Protein backbone atom coordinates (compact mmCIF):
# COMPACT_ATOMS: atom_id res chain seq x y z
CA UNK A 1 54.84 75.81 7.85
CA UNK A 2 58.28 74.87 9.19
CA UNK A 3 56.64 72.31 11.49
CA UNK A 4 54.73 70.65 8.59
CA UNK A 5 57.89 70.39 6.51
CA UNK A 6 59.74 68.73 9.39
CA UNK A 7 56.90 66.20 9.93
CA UNK A 8 56.81 65.22 6.25
CA UNK A 9 60.57 64.73 6.17
CA UNK A 10 60.44 62.58 9.27
CA UNK A 11 57.64 60.41 7.76
CA UNK A 12 59.61 59.90 4.54
CA UNK A 13 62.67 58.90 6.56
CA UNK A 14 60.68 56.27 8.47
CA UNK A 15 59.14 54.82 5.31
CA UNK A 16 62.40 54.36 3.50
CA UNK A 17 64.17 52.99 6.54
CA UNK A 18 65.25 49.29 6.33
CA UNK A 19 63.27 48.27 9.44
CA UNK A 20 60.02 49.55 8.06
CA UNK A 21 60.58 47.77 4.74
CA UNK A 22 61.25 44.50 6.55
CA UNK A 23 58.02 44.86 8.58
CA UNK A 24 55.98 45.57 5.47
CA UNK A 25 57.42 42.58 3.66
CA UNK A 26 56.63 40.37 6.64
CA UNK A 27 53.04 41.53 6.67
CA UNK A 28 52.69 40.90 2.94
CA UNK A 29 54.08 37.40 3.33
CA UNK A 30 51.63 36.73 6.15
CA UNK A 31 48.69 37.89 4.08
CA UNK A 32 49.79 35.72 1.15
CA UNK A 33 50.01 32.70 3.47
CA UNK A 34 46.52 33.36 4.80
CA UNK A 35 45.18 33.68 1.26
CA UNK A 36 46.78 30.37 0.29
CA UNK A 37 45.17 28.61 3.25
CA UNK A 38 41.80 30.13 2.45
CA UNK A 39 42.13 29.15 -1.19
CA UNK A 40 42.93 25.58 -0.16
CA UNK A 41 39.91 25.51 2.14
CA UNK A 42 37.67 26.85 -0.62
CA UNK A 43 38.93 24.20 -3.03
CA UNK A 44 38.29 21.44 -0.49
CA UNK A 45 34.79 22.75 0.19
CA UNK A 46 34.10 22.97 -3.53
CA UNK A 47 35.13 19.33 -3.94
CA UNK A 48 32.84 18.36 -1.08
CA UNK A 49 29.94 20.27 -2.66
CA UNK A 50 30.48 18.51 -5.98
CA UNK A 51 30.64 15.14 -4.25
CA UNK A 52 27.40 15.81 -2.35
CA UNK A 53 25.72 16.90 -5.57
CA UNK A 54 26.74 13.63 -7.21
CA UNK A 55 25.45 11.58 -4.28
CA UNK A 56 22.17 13.53 -4.25
CA UNK A 57 21.71 13.00 -7.98
CA UNK A 58 22.33 9.27 -7.55
CA UNK A 59 19.84 8.97 -4.70
CA UNK A 60 17.17 10.87 -6.64
CA UNK A 61 17.77 8.71 -9.69
CA UNK A 62 17.56 5.36 -7.93
CA UNK A 63 15.66 5.83 -4.72
CA UNK A 64 12.16 6.02 -6.22
CA UNK A 65 10.81 3.41 -8.59
CA UNK A 66 7.10 3.82 -7.95
CA UNK A 67 6.18 7.18 -6.47
CA UNK A 68 3.11 6.01 -4.52
CA UNK A 69 5.26 3.71 -2.36
CA UNK A 70 8.10 6.09 -1.56
CA UNK A 71 6.68 9.35 -0.22
CA UNK A 72 8.18 9.68 3.30
CA UNK A 73 5.07 10.88 5.11
CA UNK A 74 2.16 9.29 6.92
CA UNK A 75 -1.00 9.64 4.85
CA UNK A 76 -4.11 7.85 6.11
CA UNK A 77 -6.25 8.56 3.09
CA UNK A 78 -6.34 12.13 1.85
CA UNK A 79 -2.92 12.00 0.21
CA UNK A 80 -3.44 9.14 -2.19
CA UNK A 81 -1.28 9.17 -5.28
CA UNK A 82 -2.55 8.73 -8.80
CA UNK A 83 -1.36 5.59 -10.59
CA UNK A 84 0.06 7.68 -13.44
CA UNK A 85 2.58 9.36 -11.16
CA UNK A 86 5.84 7.52 -11.45
CA UNK A 87 7.22 4.22 -12.60
CA UNK A 88 10.50 2.45 -13.13
CA UNK A 89 13.59 4.64 -13.31
CA UNK A 90 16.54 3.64 -15.48
CA UNK A 91 19.73 2.83 -13.52
CA UNK A 92 23.03 4.58 -13.86
CA UNK A 93 25.75 2.70 -15.71
CA UNK A 94 27.89 0.47 -13.56
CA UNK A 95 30.83 2.49 -14.86
CA UNK A 96 29.29 5.76 -13.76
CA UNK A 97 31.72 7.44 -11.33
CA UNK A 98 28.72 8.62 -9.31
CA UNK A 99 28.12 5.01 -8.34
CA UNK A 100 31.59 4.45 -6.96
CA UNK A 101 30.58 5.27 -3.40
CA UNK A 102 27.66 2.84 -3.27
CA UNK A 103 28.27 -0.62 -1.88
CA UNK A 104 26.06 -3.54 -1.00
CA UNK A 105 25.75 -6.18 1.68
CA UNK A 106 29.28 -5.70 2.98
CA UNK A 107 29.38 -1.94 3.04
CA UNK A 108 27.37 1.23 3.37
CA UNK A 109 24.37 2.15 1.26
CA UNK A 110 23.27 5.55 0.00
CA UNK A 111 20.38 5.20 2.49
CA UNK A 112 21.71 4.15 5.88
CA UNK A 113 18.41 4.19 7.79
CA UNK A 114 15.10 2.84 6.42
CA UNK A 115 11.79 4.65 6.61
CA UNK A 116 9.93 3.31 9.65
CA UNK A 117 6.35 3.97 10.70
CA UNK A 118 3.75 2.58 13.06
CA UNK A 119 -0.04 2.77 12.67
CA UNK A 120 -2.43 1.96 15.51
CA UNK A 121 -5.90 0.79 14.48
CA UNK A 122 -8.29 0.62 17.44
CA UNK A 123 -12.07 0.68 17.83
CA UNK A 124 -15.12 0.35 20.04
CA UNK A 125 -17.62 -2.18 18.67
CA UNK A 126 -21.28 -2.80 19.42
CA UNK A 127 -23.69 -5.33 17.89
CA UNK A 128 -27.28 -6.42 18.37
CA UNK A 129 -26.08 -10.06 18.12
CA UNK A 130 -24.06 -11.78 20.85
CA UNK A 131 -20.39 -12.65 20.33
CA UNK A 132 -20.97 -16.40 19.98
CA UNK A 133 -23.45 -15.86 17.16
CA UNK A 134 -21.11 -13.36 15.54
CA UNK A 135 -18.25 -15.84 15.50
CA UNK A 136 -20.45 -18.46 13.83
CA UNK A 137 -22.29 -16.00 11.60
CA UNK A 138 -20.86 -16.80 8.21
CA UNK A 139 -22.59 -16.24 4.89
CA UNK A 140 -24.44 -19.52 4.21
CA UNK A 141 -23.84 -20.95 0.77
CA UNK A 142 -20.74 -18.78 0.39
CA UNK A 143 -18.44 -19.15 3.41
CA UNK A 144 -18.76 -20.32 6.99
CA UNK A 145 -16.12 -17.86 8.22
CA UNK A 146 -17.64 -15.69 10.92
CA UNK A 147 -16.80 -12.22 12.12
CA UNK A 148 -14.16 -12.44 14.83
CA UNK A 149 -15.01 -9.16 16.55
CA UNK A 150 -15.43 -8.68 20.27
CA UNK A 151 -17.86 -6.20 21.76
CA UNK A 152 -16.40 -3.22 23.56
CA UNK A 153 -12.90 -1.85 23.20
CA UNK A 154 -10.57 -3.55 20.72
CA UNK A 155 -7.12 -3.09 19.28
CA UNK A 156 -7.52 -4.36 15.74
CA UNK A 157 -3.80 -4.22 15.15
CA UNK A 158 -0.71 -2.10 15.25
CA UNK A 159 1.13 -2.14 11.92
CA UNK A 160 4.88 -1.63 11.69
CA UNK A 161 6.04 -0.56 8.22
CA UNK A 162 9.62 -0.55 6.98
CA UNK A 163 10.99 0.55 3.62
CA UNK A 164 14.44 1.26 2.18
CA UNK A 165 16.20 1.02 -1.17
CA UNK A 166 18.61 -1.92 -1.11
CA UNK A 167 20.74 -0.62 -3.98
CA UNK A 168 20.04 0.98 -7.37
CA UNK A 169 18.25 -2.19 -8.47
CA UNK A 170 15.89 -3.19 -5.62
CA UNK A 171 13.67 -1.65 -2.95
CA UNK A 172 12.61 -3.64 0.10
CA UNK A 173 9.33 -3.40 2.04
CA UNK A 174 7.94 -5.08 5.16
CA UNK A 175 4.67 -4.85 7.06
CA UNK A 176 4.48 -6.49 10.49
CA UNK A 177 1.08 -6.28 12.22
CA UNK A 178 0.90 -6.71 15.99
CA UNK A 179 -2.22 -7.97 17.74
CA UNK A 180 -2.89 -9.01 21.31
CA UNK A 181 -2.05 -12.56 20.25
CA UNK A 182 1.38 -11.67 18.86
CA UNK A 183 3.06 -10.50 15.69
CA UNK A 184 3.01 -11.86 12.15
CA UNK A 185 4.79 -11.12 8.90
CA UNK A 186 1.94 -9.92 6.71
CA UNK A 187 4.13 -8.56 3.91
CA UNK A 188 7.81 -8.74 3.07
CA UNK A 189 8.74 -8.15 -0.57
CA UNK A 190 11.13 -6.50 -2.98
CA UNK A 191 10.41 -4.38 -6.03
CA UNK A 192 12.82 -3.97 -8.92
CA UNK A 193 13.88 -0.49 -10.02
CA UNK A 194 16.21 -1.22 -12.94
CA UNK A 195 14.35 -3.36 -15.45
CA UNK A 196 13.84 -2.04 -18.98
CA UNK A 197 11.33 0.75 -19.30
CA UNK A 198 7.79 -0.27 -18.45
CA UNK A 199 8.69 -3.55 -16.71
CA UNK A 200 8.68 -4.21 -12.98
CA UNK A 201 8.87 -7.32 -10.81
CA UNK A 202 7.83 -7.93 -7.22
CA UNK A 203 8.66 -10.97 -5.12
CA UNK A 204 8.07 -12.21 -1.58
CA UNK A 205 4.84 -12.07 0.40
CA UNK A 206 2.47 -9.28 -0.58
CA UNK A 207 -1.14 -8.21 -1.05
CA UNK A 208 -2.29 -9.08 -4.54
CA UNK A 209 -2.67 -6.16 -6.94
CA UNK A 210 -5.90 -7.41 -8.53
CA UNK A 211 -7.91 -4.46 -7.15
CA UNK A 212 -7.55 -1.17 -5.33
CA UNK A 213 -9.23 -2.54 -2.21
CA UNK A 214 -7.25 -5.77 -2.08
CA UNK A 215 -3.95 -3.86 -2.21
CA UNK A 216 -4.87 -1.67 0.77
CA UNK A 217 -4.12 -2.30 4.43
CA UNK A 218 -7.06 -2.13 6.88
CA UNK A 219 -6.08 1.30 8.22
CA UNK A 220 -6.40 2.71 4.68
CA UNK A 221 -9.90 1.31 4.05
CA UNK A 222 -12.69 3.81 3.45
CA UNK A 223 -14.84 1.88 5.94
CA UNK A 224 -14.01 0.00 9.13
CA UNK A 225 -14.67 -3.45 7.63
CA UNK A 226 -14.38 -5.30 4.32
CA UNK A 227 -17.21 -5.56 1.82
CA UNK A 228 -19.36 -8.70 1.67
CA UNK A 229 -17.88 -9.89 -1.64
CA UNK A 230 -14.43 -10.09 -0.03
CA UNK A 231 -15.72 -11.88 3.06
CA UNK A 232 -17.60 -14.36 0.88
CA UNK A 233 -15.04 -14.99 -1.87
CA UNK A 234 -11.57 -14.10 -0.54
CA UNK A 235 -11.69 -13.73 3.25
CA UNK A 236 -11.84 -10.62 5.41
CA UNK A 237 -8.54 -9.13 4.23
CA UNK A 238 -8.48 -10.37 0.66
CA UNK A 239 -5.63 -12.22 -1.02
CA UNK A 240 -2.21 -11.99 0.66
CA UNK A 241 0.20 -14.54 -0.77
CA UNK A 242 3.80 -15.58 -1.24
CA UNK A 243 4.76 -15.43 -4.89
CA UNK A 244 5.87 -13.19 -7.73
CA UNK A 245 4.24 -10.34 -9.62
CA UNK A 246 5.17 -8.93 -13.01
CA UNK A 247 3.72 -5.71 -14.43
CA UNK A 248 4.19 -3.89 -17.71
CA UNK A 249 3.35 -0.32 -18.71
CA UNK A 250 3.15 -0.07 -22.49
CA UNK A 251 3.61 3.26 -24.24
CA UNK A 252 -0.04 4.18 -24.82
CA UNK A 253 -1.93 7.48 -24.72
CA UNK A 254 -3.79 6.26 -21.62
CA UNK A 255 -2.22 4.90 -18.46
CA UNK A 256 -2.51 1.12 -18.88
CA UNK A 257 -0.86 -1.46 -16.66
CA UNK A 258 -0.84 -5.18 -17.39
CA UNK A 259 -0.06 -7.58 -14.57
CA UNK A 260 0.24 -11.27 -13.76
CA UNK A 261 0.94 -13.05 -10.48
CA UNK A 262 2.11 -16.57 -9.65
CA UNK A 263 1.09 -17.35 -6.06
CA UNK A 264 1.61 -20.15 -3.56
CA UNK A 265 -2.16 -20.42 -3.02
CA UNK A 266 -2.59 -20.27 0.76
CA UNK A 267 -5.81 -18.23 0.93
CA UNK A 268 -8.14 -20.46 2.95
CA UNK A 269 -11.31 -19.44 1.11
CA UNK A 270 -10.10 -19.60 -2.50
CA UNK A 271 -7.27 -22.17 -2.40
CA UNK A 272 -5.60 -23.41 0.83
CA UNK A 273 -1.97 -24.47 1.13
CA UNK A 274 -2.92 -28.17 1.24
CA UNK A 275 -4.58 -28.10 -2.19
CA UNK A 276 -1.42 -29.29 -3.92
CA UNK A 277 2.34 -28.96 -3.70
CA UNK A 278 4.00 -25.82 -5.00
CA UNK A 279 2.39 -22.69 -6.47
CA UNK A 280 -1.19 -23.35 -7.55
CA UNK A 281 -2.83 -19.93 -7.82
CA UNK A 282 -2.60 -17.38 -10.61
CA UNK A 283 -3.94 -13.90 -11.27
CA UNK A 284 -4.08 -11.52 -14.20
CA UNK A 285 -5.28 -7.92 -14.26
CA UNK A 286 -5.48 -4.80 -16.40
CA UNK A 287 -5.67 -1.26 -15.01
CA UNK A 288 -6.57 1.75 -17.14
CA UNK A 289 -6.76 5.32 -15.91
CA UNK A 290 -7.33 8.70 -17.49
CA UNK A 291 -8.03 12.26 -16.39
CA UNK A 292 -10.92 14.32 -17.71
CA UNK A 293 -11.50 17.90 -16.75
CA UNK A 294 -9.16 19.57 -14.32
CA UNK A 295 -9.99 17.55 -11.23
CA UNK A 296 -11.48 14.19 -12.26
CA UNK A 297 -9.82 10.80 -12.69
CA UNK A 298 -11.30 7.44 -13.65
CA UNK A 299 -9.62 4.08 -12.97
CA UNK A 300 -11.12 0.80 -14.16
CA UNK A 301 -10.14 -2.68 -15.20
CA UNK A 302 -10.88 -6.41 -15.08
CA UNK A 303 -9.07 -9.16 -13.20
CA UNK A 304 -9.14 -12.93 -12.89
CA UNK A 305 -7.98 -15.24 -10.09
CA UNK A 306 -7.79 -19.00 -10.51
CA UNK A 307 -6.27 -22.16 -9.12
CA UNK A 308 -6.71 -25.45 -7.31
CA UNK A 309 -8.75 -25.52 -4.12
CA UNK A 310 -8.96 -27.61 -0.96
CA UNK A 311 -10.94 -25.66 1.61
CA UNK A 312 -13.08 -26.38 4.67
CA UNK A 313 -14.96 -23.06 4.46
CA UNK A 314 -17.90 -24.27 2.31
CA UNK A 315 -19.91 -25.89 5.11
CA UNK A 316 -19.28 -27.38 8.56
CA UNK A 317 -17.51 -30.74 8.60
CA UNK A 318 -16.76 -30.83 4.86
CA UNK A 319 -13.80 -30.39 2.53
CA UNK A 320 -14.08 -29.12 -1.01
CA UNK A 321 -11.57 -30.28 -3.62
CA UNK A 322 -11.61 -28.82 -7.09
CA UNK A 323 -10.90 -25.74 -9.17
CA UNK A 324 -11.87 -22.15 -8.51
CA UNK A 325 -12.01 -19.07 -10.69
CA UNK A 326 -12.85 -15.52 -9.72
CA UNK A 327 -13.70 -12.86 -12.31
CA UNK A 328 -13.89 -9.25 -11.23
CA UNK A 329 -14.19 -5.73 -12.54
CA UNK A 330 -13.56 -2.55 -10.56
CA UNK A 331 -14.27 1.11 -11.25
CA UNK A 332 -13.04 4.08 -9.24
CA UNK A 333 -13.96 7.70 -9.92
CA UNK A 334 -12.27 10.57 -8.08
CA UNK A 335 -13.04 14.26 -8.09
CA UNK A 336 -10.55 16.34 -6.11
CA UNK A 337 -10.47 20.09 -6.80
CA UNK A 338 -8.42 20.79 -3.63
CA UNK A 339 -6.85 19.18 -0.61
CA UNK A 340 -9.95 19.96 1.45
CA UNK A 341 -12.67 18.88 -0.94
CA UNK A 342 -13.15 15.61 -2.81
CA UNK A 343 -15.60 12.94 -3.89
CA UNK A 344 -14.95 9.22 -4.38
CA UNK A 345 -17.26 6.77 -6.11
CA UNK A 346 -16.10 3.16 -6.18
CA UNK A 347 -17.63 -0.15 -7.16
CA UNK A 348 -16.61 -3.74 -7.79
CA UNK A 349 -18.37 -6.76 -9.27
CA UNK A 350 -17.18 -10.35 -8.70
CA UNK A 351 -18.29 -13.70 -10.13
CA UNK A 352 -17.01 -16.98 -8.64
CA UNK A 353 -17.13 -20.33 -10.43
CA UNK A 354 -16.17 -23.55 -8.64
CA UNK A 355 -16.41 -27.18 -9.57
CA UNK A 356 -15.20 -30.25 -7.70
CA UNK A 357 -16.03 -32.69 -4.93
CA UNK A 358 -17.48 -31.94 -1.50
CA UNK A 359 -16.39 -34.55 1.04
CA UNK A 360 -18.43 -35.00 4.20
CA UNK A 361 -16.02 -36.14 6.92
CA UNK A 362 -18.84 -37.26 9.26
CA UNK A 363 -20.79 -39.32 6.74
CA UNK A 364 -17.81 -40.42 4.69
CA UNK A 365 -19.45 -39.59 1.38
CA UNK A 366 -18.47 -37.38 -1.52
CA UNK A 367 -20.77 -35.41 -3.79
CA UNK A 368 -20.26 -33.33 -6.90
CA UNK A 369 -20.43 -29.59 -6.14
CA UNK A 370 -20.63 -26.70 -8.58
CA UNK A 371 -21.10 -23.09 -7.54
CA UNK A 372 -21.61 -20.02 -9.68
CA UNK A 373 -22.21 -16.97 -7.47
CA UNK A 374 -21.67 -13.26 -7.77
CA UNK A 375 -21.78 -10.06 -5.76
CA UNK A 376 -21.22 -6.33 -5.90
CA UNK A 377 -20.53 -3.33 -3.71
CA UNK A 378 -20.91 0.38 -4.46
CA UNK A 379 -19.68 3.11 -2.17
CA UNK A 380 -19.42 6.89 -2.25
CA UNK A 381 -17.58 9.30 0.05
CA UNK A 382 -17.60 13.09 0.11
CA UNK A 383 -14.91 15.15 1.84
CA UNK A 384 -15.43 18.69 3.08
CA UNK A 385 -12.51 20.24 4.96
CA UNK A 386 -11.54 17.76 7.69
CA UNK A 387 -14.85 15.91 7.55
CA UNK A 388 -15.79 13.00 5.31
CA UNK A 389 -19.06 11.11 5.13
CA UNK A 390 -20.08 8.19 2.98
CA UNK A 391 -22.38 5.26 2.29
CA UNK A 392 -21.88 1.71 1.00
CA UNK A 393 -24.23 -0.92 -0.39
CA UNK A 394 -23.22 -4.63 -0.50
CA UNK A 395 -25.14 -7.37 -2.25
CA UNK A 396 -24.49 -11.03 -2.97
CA UNK A 397 -26.43 -13.11 -5.52
CA UNK A 398 -26.99 -10.11 -7.75
CA UNK A 399 -27.39 -12.12 -10.97
CA UNK A 400 -26.08 -15.60 -10.14
CA UNK A 401 -26.56 -17.97 -7.23
CA UNK A 402 -26.33 -21.49 -8.63
CA UNK A 403 -25.38 -24.01 -5.93
CA UNK A 404 -25.63 -27.59 -7.22
CA UNK A 405 -24.81 -30.48 -4.86
CA UNK A 406 -25.03 -33.96 -6.43
CA UNK A 407 -27.05 -32.41 -9.25
CA UNK A 408 -29.66 -30.96 -6.86
CA UNK A 409 -30.09 -27.16 -6.54
CA UNK A 410 -29.60 -25.88 -3.00
CA UNK A 411 -31.31 -22.86 -1.49
CA UNK A 412 -30.04 -20.81 1.45
CA UNK A 413 -32.81 -18.31 1.94
CA UNK A 414 -32.85 -14.64 1.02
CA UNK A 415 -29.97 -12.96 -0.77
CA UNK A 416 -27.38 -11.47 1.61
CA UNK A 417 -27.08 -7.68 1.62
CA UNK A 418 -25.92 -4.81 3.84
CA UNK A 419 -26.20 -1.04 4.04
CA UNK A 420 -23.49 1.10 5.68
CA UNK A 421 -23.17 4.74 6.66
CA UNK A 422 -20.01 6.42 8.01
CA UNK A 423 -18.92 9.80 9.30
CA UNK A 424 -15.25 10.57 9.95
CA UNK A 425 -13.15 13.45 11.18
CA UNK A 426 -9.48 13.81 10.22
CA UNK A 427 -7.65 16.19 12.57
CA UNK A 428 -4.58 15.79 10.36
CA UNK A 429 -3.06 13.38 7.86
CA UNK A 430 -1.75 11.41 10.86
CA UNK A 431 -5.04 10.67 12.64
CA UNK A 432 -8.62 9.65 11.91
CA UNK A 433 -11.78 9.24 13.96
CA UNK A 434 -14.64 7.33 12.31
CA UNK A 435 -18.21 6.51 13.37
CA UNK A 436 -19.85 3.76 11.28
CA UNK A 437 -23.20 1.98 11.31
CA UNK A 438 -24.02 -1.29 9.47
CA UNK A 439 -27.50 -2.58 8.78
CA UNK A 440 -26.47 -6.17 8.03
CA UNK A 441 -28.84 -8.71 6.47
CA UNK A 442 -26.20 -11.22 5.36
CA UNK A 443 -27.44 -14.09 7.54
CA UNK A 444 -30.22 -16.54 6.75
CA UNK A 445 -31.55 -16.68 10.31
CA UNK A 446 -33.72 -13.64 9.66
CA UNK A 447 -31.83 -11.58 12.20
CA UNK A 448 -30.65 -8.08 11.43
CA UNK A 449 -27.21 -7.31 12.78
CA UNK A 450 -27.10 -3.66 13.83
CA UNK A 451 -23.41 -2.85 14.13
CA UNK A 452 -21.67 0.29 15.35
CA UNK A 453 -17.94 1.02 15.02
CA UNK A 454 -16.16 3.90 16.68
CA UNK A 455 -12.74 3.67 15.09
CA UNK A 456 -9.59 5.63 15.96
CA UNK A 457 -6.46 5.43 13.77
CA UNK A 458 -3.11 7.06 14.56
CA UNK A 459 0.11 6.96 12.56
CA UNK A 460 3.69 8.01 13.29
CA UNK A 461 6.87 7.90 11.25
CA UNK A 462 7.68 8.03 7.55
CA UNK A 463 4.95 6.07 5.79
CA UNK A 464 4.26 6.23 2.07
CA UNK A 465 1.20 7.79 0.51
CA UNK A 466 -1.39 5.24 -0.50
CA UNK A 467 -1.80 4.33 -4.14
CA UNK A 468 -4.80 5.66 -6.06
């Protein structure tokens, strides 16, 4: 007991001693200093978090104007986006403090690096007709453009895609295809993101939006080649022009988009750049879409293309001068209950009217030419897991084939048609292997062109999902 009392007294003496008090005060001061530093660090981190939140909100608000063209992932077909998903986003006020960190041409942007992707489209091609005949095998009465396809192994093209938002008001796109003969600027255009609700403008060089097929790049096609109506009326890859496009989405119960385009008119089948000076081609289109049931969507709408024409694709050694008009109607039905199962049924009807003068350069004579011709294609594709198989039927001169030269009806033999079957395997959304067979009766020589494509498509980088 005496020992415990002595220990307690000694402990009390130490505690109340001046040296111990000084040490305790020093430790308390040190802890307070550490707490102040930590508090300052926390405040700085909190400010940084708030700033990042503001920047993220700004990017989300302005980065995407049309969802189908912004998704940063390669999608070769299965990930197509419905047309109802996304449109113009309203901009933040110029006085919004969140916009203070965004600058333009002379400073940084909220997106420093653009999305970049590359798609390789390659194939093995076989035909029962020799290459010389293929090159000269046009569609008589419609177009003399042949099929520039070599037998054996081919690299159709490698497509380089670039996309980035310029600022809160514009997005910029570019598509540069590479072939064995060099590179070209297929598309380079801007899209507005800050016009009043429902309005959007596009300018530059772009694929016309008249139809679903025309707006697609070759690697996104459901078959290895274009349908006969495009080869006959618009060329193998459709209408790609310099110009301006304006679209409007009115507030209606159904998705409805109205669009017009003013184009330079360089398409060699429909117009040609030498037809006249300045823009001389115009388009108008309406797209309507609605869902029915849980998994089905229907898209349909008419379009018209018109302008002045000066083309050498009517017949060998001649030039056609006059006016051309193209009237079309497309319908697309999609059933997609899951990512691994779907069905697509698509069709398009086109009627072409032309009137003008056909000049024969060899004979030095001119004759009045009028053409009223039509065509259609219907195709269906069914997807099951990674496999997809489909069929397509093409036909020209379905209802109309009036070809009047100097008042005399002209005949070019049997009506051109073709039947196609395809089987494809998609290991992932980044690759596709397709086997396709064409039974082609589009010539007037009586020969059947038996064609086989073995197509391989690979994509890398951040490439947007394709539109519906």
